Amino acid sequence: QVQLVESGGGLVQAGGSLRLSCAASGRTPSSANMGWFRQAPGKEREFVAAIRWSSGRTLYADSVKGRFTMSRDNAKNTVYLQMNSLKPEDTAVYLCAAELRAFGITAAETRYTYWGQGTQVTVSS
């Protein structure tokens, strides 16, 4: 069982930056993938970024490439999402997710078993 707790959301102006954190309880196995997804009002949940826990390999949605960076701190069992050059269309609830026994990095929402409660990110124009 893994519990995920996100933090770091807030209100920021367009062009600004925020850093989200997701702390995982318990030990994260080396086979795990950690992901960030987001859901805006009236829209479906969408993939943002993922990281392979063992290697640090990352995967990004096209809409955030070059602006967002996902990283991990093994010692703290925490992943981060550094978000720069934020746009109003980035406004959403951002959720952290974990897939504990992964064979490869993935953007597929259905592969992630554990989810956090989410943190609100609002970007004003």
Protein backbone atom coordinates (compact mmCIF):
# COMPACT_ATOMS: atom_id res chain seq x y z
CA GLN A 1 0.00 0.00 0.00
CA VAL A 2 1.29 3.43 -0.95
CA GLN A 3 -0.10 6.79 0.05
CA LEU A 4 0.68 9.83 -2.05
CA VAL A 5 0.43 13.40 -0.78
CA GLU A 6 0.78 16.32 -3.17
CA SER A 7 1.68 19.88 -2.24
CA GLY A 8 2.84 23.09 -3.86
CA GLY A 9 -0.20 24.17 -5.84
CA GLY A 10 -1.48 27.71 -5.85
CA LEU A 11 -2.35 30.78 -7.87
CA VAL A 12 0.24 32.22 -10.25
CA GLN A 13 0.25 34.68 -13.12
CA ALA A 14 0.84 33.54 -16.68
CA GLY A 15 4.55 33.15 -17.31
CA GLY A 16 5.23 32.29 -13.68
CA SER A 17 6.50 29.11 -12.06
CA LEU A 18 5.40 26.60 -9.46
CA ARG A 19 6.95 23.43 -8.08
CA LEU A 20 4.71 20.56 -7.07
CA SER A 21 5.82 17.84 -4.69
CA CYS A 22 4.48 14.34 -4.16
CA ALA A 23 5.61 12.44 -1.09
CA ALA A 24 5.12 8.68 -1.06
CA SER A 25 4.70 6.75 2.16
CA GLY A 26 6.61 3.53 2.44
CA ARG A 27 9.48 2.46 0.26
CA THR A 28 9.08 2.97 -3.46
CA PRO A 29 10.32 -0.08 -5.35
CA SER A 30 12.87 0.37 -8.10
CA SER A 31 10.37 -1.05 -10.58
CA ALA A 32 7.95 1.83 -9.98
CA ASN A 33 6.83 4.59 -12.28
CA MET A 34 5.58 7.84 -10.79
CA GLY A 35 3.34 10.11 -12.81
CA TRP A 36 1.64 13.47 -12.82
CA PHE A 37 -1.80 13.87 -14.35
CA ARG A 38 -4.14 16.85 -14.41
CA GLN A 39 -7.85 17.43 -14.71
CA ALA A 40 -9.44 20.73 -15.62
CA PRO A 41 -13.14 21.46 -14.99
CA GLY A 42 -15.32 19.74 -17.56
CA LYS A 43 -12.38 17.93 -19.12
CA GLU A 44 -11.00 14.42 -18.91
CA ARG A 45 -7.94 13.64 -16.87
CA GLU A 46 -4.79 13.90 -18.96
CA PHE A 47 -1.20 12.75 -18.65
CA VAL A 48 1.43 15.37 -17.85
CA ALA A 49 4.70 13.61 -17.01
CA ALA A 50 6.17 10.37 -15.67
CA ILE A 51 9.45 9.21 -14.25
CA ARG A 52 11.01 5.79 -13.93
CA TRP A 53 12.05 5.45 -10.30
CA SER A 54 15.17 3.37 -10.92
CA SER A 55 16.71 5.20 -13.85
CA GLY A 56 15.19 8.67 -13.64
CA ARG A 57 14.07 8.42 -17.25
CA THR A 58 11.24 10.86 -17.95
CA LEU A 59 8.31 11.14 -20.33
CA TYR A 60 6.28 14.29 -21.04
CA ALA A 61 3.07 15.26 -22.74
CA ASP A 62 3.69 17.38 -25.83
CA SER A 63 1.77 20.25 -24.26
CA VAL A 64 4.32 20.63 -21.44
CA LYS A 65 7.60 19.63 -23.09
CA GLY A 66 10.25 22.25 -22.59
CA ARG A 67 8.28 23.95 -19.80
CA PHE A 68 7.82 21.23 -17.14
CA THR A 69 10.49 19.06 -15.55
CA MET A 70 9.85 16.02 -13.41
CA SER A 71 12.47 14.78 -10.98
CA ARG A 72 12.82 12.50 -7.97
CA ASP A 73 14.61 12.39 -4.66
CA ASN A 74 15.14 8.75 -3.71
CA ALA A 75 16.19 9.56 -0.17
CA LYS A 76 13.02 11.54 0.50
CA ASN A 77 10.75 9.20 -1.50
CA THR A 78 9.43 12.29 -3.26
CA VAL A 79 8.88 13.37 -6.83
CA TYR A 80 8.66 16.91 -8.08
CA LEU A 81 7.13 18.73 -11.01
CA GLN A 82 8.83 22.01 -11.81
CA MET A 83 6.45 24.05 -13.94
CA ASN A 84 7.79 27.10 -15.77
CA SER A 85 6.27 29.47 -18.30
CA LEU A 86 2.82 28.61 -17.02
CA LYS A 87 -0.20 29.32 -19.21
CA PRO A 88 -3.87 29.76 -18.29
CA GLU A 89 -4.57 26.44 -20.01
CA ASP A 90 -2.37 24.73 -17.40
CA THR A 91 -5.05 25.47 -14.81
CA ALA A 92 -6.21 22.15 -13.33
CA VAL A 93 -6.08 19.86 -10.35
CA TYR A 94 -2.75 18.07 -10.54
CA LEU A 95 -2.64 14.50 -9.28
CA CYS A 96 0.31 12.30 -8.44
CA ALA A 97 0.10 8.60 -9.28
CA ALA A 98 2.19 5.47 -8.81
CA GLU A 99 2.57 2.20 -10.67
CA LEU A 100 4.62 -0.07 -8.44
CA ARG A 101 5.54 -2.93 -10.75
CA ALA A 102 6.13 -1.37 -14.11
CA PHE A 103 7.89 -2.91 -17.09
CA GLY A 104 8.51 0.44 -18.73
CA ILE A 105 7.63 4.07 -18.42
CA THR A 106 4.10 4.85 -19.50
CA ALA A 107 1.57 7.64 -19.94
CA ALA A 108 -1.37 5.24 -19.67
CA GLU A 109 -3.63 6.32 -16.82
CA THR A 110 -5.02 2.82 -16.33
CA ARG A 111 -1.59 1.46 -15.41
CA TYR A 112 -1.32 3.67 -12.33
CA THR A 113 -2.74 2.03 -9.23
CA TYR A 114 -2.22 4.58 -6.48
CA TRP A 115 -3.40 8.19 -6.61
CA GLY A 116 -3.07 11.25 -4.44
CA GLN A 117 -5.89 13.67 -3.65
CA GLY A 118 -4.57 16.36 -5.95
CA THR A 119 -3.44 19.96 -5.64
CA GLN A 120 -5.03 22.92 -7.42
CA VAL A 121 -2.97 24.98 -9.85
CA THR A 122 -4.57 28.17 -11.15
CA VAL A 123 -2.84 30.34 -13.75
CA SER A 124 -4.30 33.79 -14.29
CA SER A 125 -3.95 35.69 -17.56
